[in-house]
Amino acid sequence: MSAPLASAQQQQQREQQQGDRPRSGPQRYVPFSEHLGLRVESAEAGEAVVSVELRPELMNNHASGHGGVLMTLLDSAMAHAALSRVAYAREVVTVDMHVAFMRPNSGRLQAQGRATGGGRSVCFCEATVTDASGEVAARAMGTFRYRDPA
């Protein structure tokens, strides 16, 4: 099978899997986020809360949430904060993200993201992940570029 044909078939399979799922708005379908089990709890006026319940396959070899999972959770919370700032009228892409890991974590994690500035083309955000005990597990700052929907 040629590469362009395989790619077209893969795209068709992805579209069939998405079905009628929303492609925009706070409940947008993001396959990777769904795979991890991320849940957008709220997103309004430049603030967002996204959570995940850690499962064994999301842990590292120290029995703590994997850093990649925490980074994705932080990224998602900041992206939803940036999107809610413009009422989901545009899309965002992550330009830059700085993360600090504070402590091991387990159970349910919750990220609170907040848009802190920017303008028409970029949005600056910050986010904090807390665990079930309320302890801070990680913090991040990020820059997101707005773009018109495809």
C-alpha atoms as a PDB file:
ATOM      1  CA  MET A   1       0.000   0.000   0.000  1.00  0.00           C
ATOM      2  CA  SER A   2       1.425   3.398  -0.905  1.00  0.00           C
ATOM      3  CA  ALA A   3       2.119   5.955   1.834  1.00  0.00           C
ATOM      4  CA  PRO A   4      -0.447   8.537   0.626  1.00  0.00           C
ATOM      5  CA  LEU A   5      -3.158   5.857   0.436  1.00  0.00           C
ATOM      6  CA  ALA A   6      -2.288   4.528   3.902  1.00  0.00           C
ATOM      7  CA  SER A   7      -2.328   8.078   5.278  1.00  0.00           C
ATOM      8  CA  ALA A   8      -5.737   8.776   3.727  1.00  0.00           C
ATOM      9  CA  GLN A   9      -7.101   5.535   5.207  1.00  0.00           C
ATOM     10  CA  GLN A  10      -5.685   6.396   8.629  1.00  0.00           C
ATOM     11  CA  GLN A  11      -7.329   9.838   8.451  1.00  0.00           C
ATOM     12  CA  GLN A  12     -10.643   8.239   7.494  1.00  0.00           C
ATOM     13  CA  GLN A  13     -10.380   5.816  10.433  1.00  0.00           C
ATOM     14  CA  ARG A  14      -9.676   8.705  12.815  1.00  0.00           C
ATOM     15  CA  GLU A  15     -12.705  10.622  11.526  1.00  0.00           C
ATOM     16  CA  GLN A  16     -14.919   7.549  11.961  1.00  0.00           C
ATOM     17  CA  GLN A  17     -13.669   7.066  15.520  1.00  0.00           C
ATOM     18  CA  GLN A  18     -14.435  10.708  16.341  1.00  0.00           C
ATOM     19  CA  GLY A  19     -17.982  10.396  15.003  1.00  0.00           C
ATOM     20  CA  ASP A  20     -20.135  13.264  16.210  1.00  0.00           C
ATOM     21  CA  ARG A  21     -17.746  14.346  18.952  1.00  0.00           C
ATOM     22  CA  PRO A  22     -17.225  18.114  19.134  1.00  0.00           C
ATOM     23  CA  ARG A  23     -14.098  19.473  17.461  1.00  0.00           C
ATOM     24  CA  SER A  24     -14.252  22.793  19.315  1.00  0.00           C
ATOM     25  CA  GLY A  25     -15.464  24.216  22.611  1.00  0.00           C
ATOM     26  CA  PRO A  26     -14.632  23.120  26.150  1.00  0.00           C
ATOM     27  CA  GLN A  27     -15.671  19.506  25.523  1.00  0.00           C
ATOM     28  CA  ARG A  28     -13.631  19.169  22.306  1.00  0.00           C
ATOM     29  CA  TYR A  29     -12.441  15.703  21.374  1.00  0.00           C
ATOM     30  CA  VAL A  30      -8.687  15.332  21.857  1.00  0.00           C
ATOM     31  CA  PRO A  31      -7.753  11.649  21.418  1.00  0.00           C
ATOM     32  CA  PHE A  32      -4.627  11.801  23.594  1.00  0.00           C
ATOM     33  CA  SER A  33      -6.445  13.570  26.428  1.00  0.00           C
ATOM     34  CA  GLU A  34      -9.213  10.989  26.259  1.00  0.00           C
ATOM     35  CA  HIS A  35      -6.633   8.180  26.277  1.00  0.00           C
ATOM     36  CA  LEU A  36      -5.151   9.581  29.501  1.00  0.00           C
ATOM     37  CA  GLY A  37      -8.589  10.138  31.019  1.00  0.00           C
ATOM     38  CA  LEU A  38      -8.318  13.919  31.367  1.00  0.00           C
ATOM     39  CA  ARG A  39     -11.555  15.626  32.342  1.00  0.00           C
ATOM     40  CA  VAL A  40     -12.294  19.325  31.837  1.00  0.00           C
ATOM     41  CA  GLU A  41     -14.213  20.301  34.952  1.00  0.00           C
ATOM     42  CA  SER A  42     -14.574  23.992  34.150  1.00  0.00           C
ATOM     43  CA  ALA A  43     -13.273  26.563  31.688  1.00  0.00           C
ATOM     44  CA  GLU A  44     -14.500  30.141  31.793  1.00  0.00           C
ATOM     45  CA  ALA A  45     -13.173  33.706  31.684  1.00  0.00           C
ATOM     46  CA  GLY A  46      -9.511  32.751  31.395  1.00  0.00           C
ATOM     47  CA  GLU A  47      -9.525  30.059  34.083  1.00  0.00           C
ATOM     48  CA  ALA A  48      -9.789  26.285  33.741  1.00  0.00           C
ATOM     49  CA  VAL A  49      -9.727  23.165  35.896  1.00  0.00           C
ATOM     50  CA  VAL A  50      -8.697  19.815  34.395  1.00  0.00           C
ATOM     51  CA  SER A  51      -8.332  16.569  36.346  1.00  0.00           C
ATOM     52  CA  VAL A  52      -7.129  13.002  35.942  1.00  0.00           C
ATOM     53  CA  GLU A  53      -7.415   9.898  38.091  1.00  0.00           C
ATOM     54  CA  LEU A  54      -4.023   8.193  38.029  1.00  0.00           C
ATOM     55  CA  ARG A  55      -4.089   4.539  36.967  1.00  0.00           C
ATOM     56  CA  PRO A  56      -1.186   2.079  37.076  1.00  0.00           C
ATOM     57  CA  GLU A  57      -0.278   2.696  33.411  1.00  0.00           C
ATOM     58  CA  LEU A  58       0.063   6.445  34.099  1.00  0.00           C
ATOM     59  CA  MET A  59       2.666   5.930  36.838  1.00  0.00           C
ATOM     60  CA  ASN A  60       6.447   6.012  36.692  1.00  0.00           C
ATOM     61  CA  ASN A  61       8.843   3.466  38.202  1.00  0.00           C
ATOM     62  CA  HIS A  62       8.633   5.299  41.564  1.00  0.00           C
ATOM     63  CA  ALA A  63       4.853   4.665  41.860  1.00  0.00           C
ATOM     64  CA  SER A  64       4.126   8.349  41.198  1.00  0.00           C
ATOM     65  CA  GLY A  65       2.311  10.062  38.356  1.00  0.00           C
ATOM     66  CA  HIS A  66       4.587  10.087  35.288  1.00  0.00           C
ATOM     67  CA  GLY A  67       6.057  13.498  34.488  1.00  0.00           C
ATOM     68  CA  GLY A  68       4.631  13.340  30.967  1.00  0.00           C
ATOM     69  CA  VAL A  69       1.129  12.902  32.386  1.00  0.00           C
ATOM     70  CA  LEU A  70       1.591  15.903  34.688  1.00  0.00           C
ATOM     71  CA  MET A  71       2.960  17.990  31.816  1.00  0.00           C
ATOM     72  CA  THR A  72      -0.033  17.067  29.657  1.00  0.00           C
ATOM     73  CA  LEU A  73      -2.405  17.919  32.496  1.00  0.00           C
ATOM     74  CA  LEU A  74      -0.722  21.316  32.980  1.00  0.00           C
ATOM     75  CA  ASP A  75      -0.699  21.986  29.226  1.00  0.00           C
ATOM     76  CA  SER A  76      -4.388  21.118  28.931  1.00  0.00           C
ATOM     77  CA  ALA A  77      -5.392  23.369  31.849  1.00  0.00           C
ATOM     78  CA  MET A  78      -3.445  26.302  30.404  1.00  0.00           C
ATOM     79  CA  ALA A  79      -4.779  25.726  26.881  1.00  0.00           C
ATOM     80  CA  HIS A  80      -8.368  25.659  28.139  1.00  0.00           C
ATOM     81  CA  ALA A  81      -7.711  28.819  30.166  1.00  0.00           C
ATOM     82  CA  ALA A  82      -6.390  30.554  27.034  1.00  0.00           C
ATOM     83  CA  LEU A  83      -9.304  29.286  24.935  1.00  0.00           C
ATOM     84  CA  SER A  84     -11.911  30.294  27.503  1.00  0.00           C
ATOM     85  CA  ARG A  85     -10.414  33.802  27.496  1.00  0.00           C
ATOM     86  CA  VAL A  86     -11.681  34.141  23.893  1.00  0.00           C
ATOM     87  CA  ALA A  87     -14.835  32.053  24.430  1.00  0.00           C
ATOM     88  CA  TYR A  88     -13.364  29.213  22.315  1.00  0.00           C
ATOM     89  CA  ALA A  89     -13.700  31.356  19.171  1.00  0.00           C
ATOM     90  CA  ARG A  90     -10.118  30.502  18.162  1.00  0.00           C
ATOM     91  CA  GLU A  91      -7.660  27.623  18.520  1.00  0.00           C
ATOM     92  CA  VAL A  92      -4.361  27.585  20.422  1.00  0.00           C
ATOM     93  CA  VAL A  93      -1.035  25.856  19.989  1.00  0.00           C
ATOM     94  CA  THR A  94       1.589  25.589  22.708  1.00  0.00           C
ATOM     95  CA  VAL A  95       4.668  27.657  21.903  1.00  0.00           C
ATOM     96  CA  ASP A  96       6.611  27.310  25.133  1.00  0.00           C
ATOM     97  CA  MET A  97       6.161  25.619  28.493  1.00  0.00           C
ATOM     98  CA  HIS A  98       8.292  25.593  31.643  1.00  0.00           C
ATOM     99  CA  VAL A  99       7.546  22.978  34.305  1.00  0.00           C
ATOM    100  CA  ALA A 100       8.707  22.499  37.885  1.00  0.00           C
ATOM    101  CA  PHE A 101       7.983  19.182  39.603  1.00  0.00           C
ATOM    102  CA  MET A 102       7.536  19.662  43.339  1.00  0.00           C
ATOM    103  CA  ARG A 103       6.737  16.278  44.886  1.00  0.00           C
ATOM    104  CA  PRO A 104       5.623  12.696  44.174  1.00  0.00           C
ATOM    105  CA  ASN A 105       1.896  12.262  43.681  1.00  0.00           C
ATOM    106  CA  SER A 106      -0.847   9.680  43.370  1.00  0.00           C
ATOM    107  CA  GLY A 107      -4.604   9.348  43.156  1.00  0.00           C
ATOM    108  CA  ARG A 108      -6.661  12.147  41.654  1.00  0.00           C
ATOM    109  CA  LEU A 109      -4.728  15.111  40.292  1.00  0.00           C
ATOM    110  CA  GLN A 110      -6.273  18.469  39.497  1.00  0.00           C
ATOM    111  CA  ALA A 111      -4.707  21.267  37.459  1.00  0.00           C
ATOM    112  CA  GLN A 112      -5.889  24.844  37.754  1.00  0.00           C
ATOM    113  CA  GLY A 113      -4.891  26.979  34.788  1.00  0.00           C
ATOM    114  CA  ARG A 114      -5.124  30.744  34.451  1.00  0.00           C
ATOM    115  CA  ALA A 115      -4.501  33.174  31.599  1.00  0.00           C
ATOM    116  CA  THR A 116      -2.223  35.901  32.943  1.00  0.00           C
ATOM    117  CA  GLY A 117      -1.742  38.149  29.919  1.00  0.00           C
ATOM    118  CA  GLY A 118      -1.138  38.438  26.232  1.00  0.00           C
ATOM    119  CA  GLY A 119      -3.021  39.969  23.354  1.00  0.00           C
ATOM    120  CA  ARG A 120      -4.601  39.034  20.031  1.00  0.00           C
ATOM    121  CA  SER A 121      -1.934  36.576  18.923  1.00  0.00           C
ATOM    122  CA  VAL A 122      -0.518  35.054  22.126  1.00  0.00           C
ATOM    123  CA  CYS A 123      -1.678  34.208  25.628  1.00  0.00           C
ATOM    124  CA  PHE A 124       0.517  33.754  28.680  1.00  0.00           C
ATOM    125  CA  CYS A 125      -0.704  31.224  31.240  1.00  0.00           C
ATOM    126  CA  GLU A 126       0.218  29.497  34.456  1.00  0.00           C
ATOM    127  CA  ALA A 127      -1.052  26.305  36.069  1.00  0.00           C
ATOM    128  CA  THR A 128      -0.670  24.310  39.274  1.00  0.00           C
ATOM    129  CA  VAL A 129      -1.312  20.601  39.836  1.00  0.00           C
ATOM    130  CA  THR A 130      -2.473  19.498  43.268  1.00  0.00           C
ATOM    131  CA  ASP A 131      -3.015  15.953  44.516  1.00  0.00           C
ATOM    132  CA  ALA A 132      -5.912  14.590  46.556  1.00  0.00           C
ATOM    133  CA  SER A 133      -4.379  15.928  49.783  1.00  0.00           C
ATOM    134  CA  GLY A 134      -4.159  19.448  48.327  1.00  0.00           C
ATOM    135  CA  GLU A 135      -0.358  19.372  48.094  1.00  0.00           C
ATOM    136  CA  VAL A 136       1.238  21.041  45.065  1.00  0.00           C
ATOM    137  CA  ALA A 137       2.786  18.410  42.782  1.00  0.00           C
ATOM    138  CA  ALA A 138       3.868  20.621  39.855  1.00  0.00           C
ATOM    139  CA  ARG A 139       3.665  24.138  38.430  1.00  0.00           C
ATOM    140  CA  ALA A 140       4.005  25.472  34.915  1.00  0.00           C
ATOM    141  CA  MET A 141       4.088  28.640  32.856  1.00  0.00           C
ATOM    142  CA  GLY A 142       3.308  28.602  29.160  1.00  0.00           C
ATOM    143  CA  THR A 143       2.897  30.679  26.050  1.00  0.00           C
ATOM    144  CA  PHE A 144       0.115  29.837  23.610  1.00  0.00           C
ATOM    145  CA  ARG A 145      -0.401  31.187  20.097  1.00  0.00           C
ATOM    146  CA  TYR A 146      -3.931  31.866  18.973  1.00  0.00           C
ATOM    147  CA  ARG A 147      -4.917  30.859  15.461  1.00  0.00           C
ATOM    148  CA  ASP A 148      -8.122  30.823  13.475  1.00  0.00           C
ATOM    149  CA  PRO A 149      -9.968  27.488  13.331  1.00  0.00           C
ATOM    150  CA  ALA A 150      -9.158  25.292  10.336  1.00  0.00           C
END
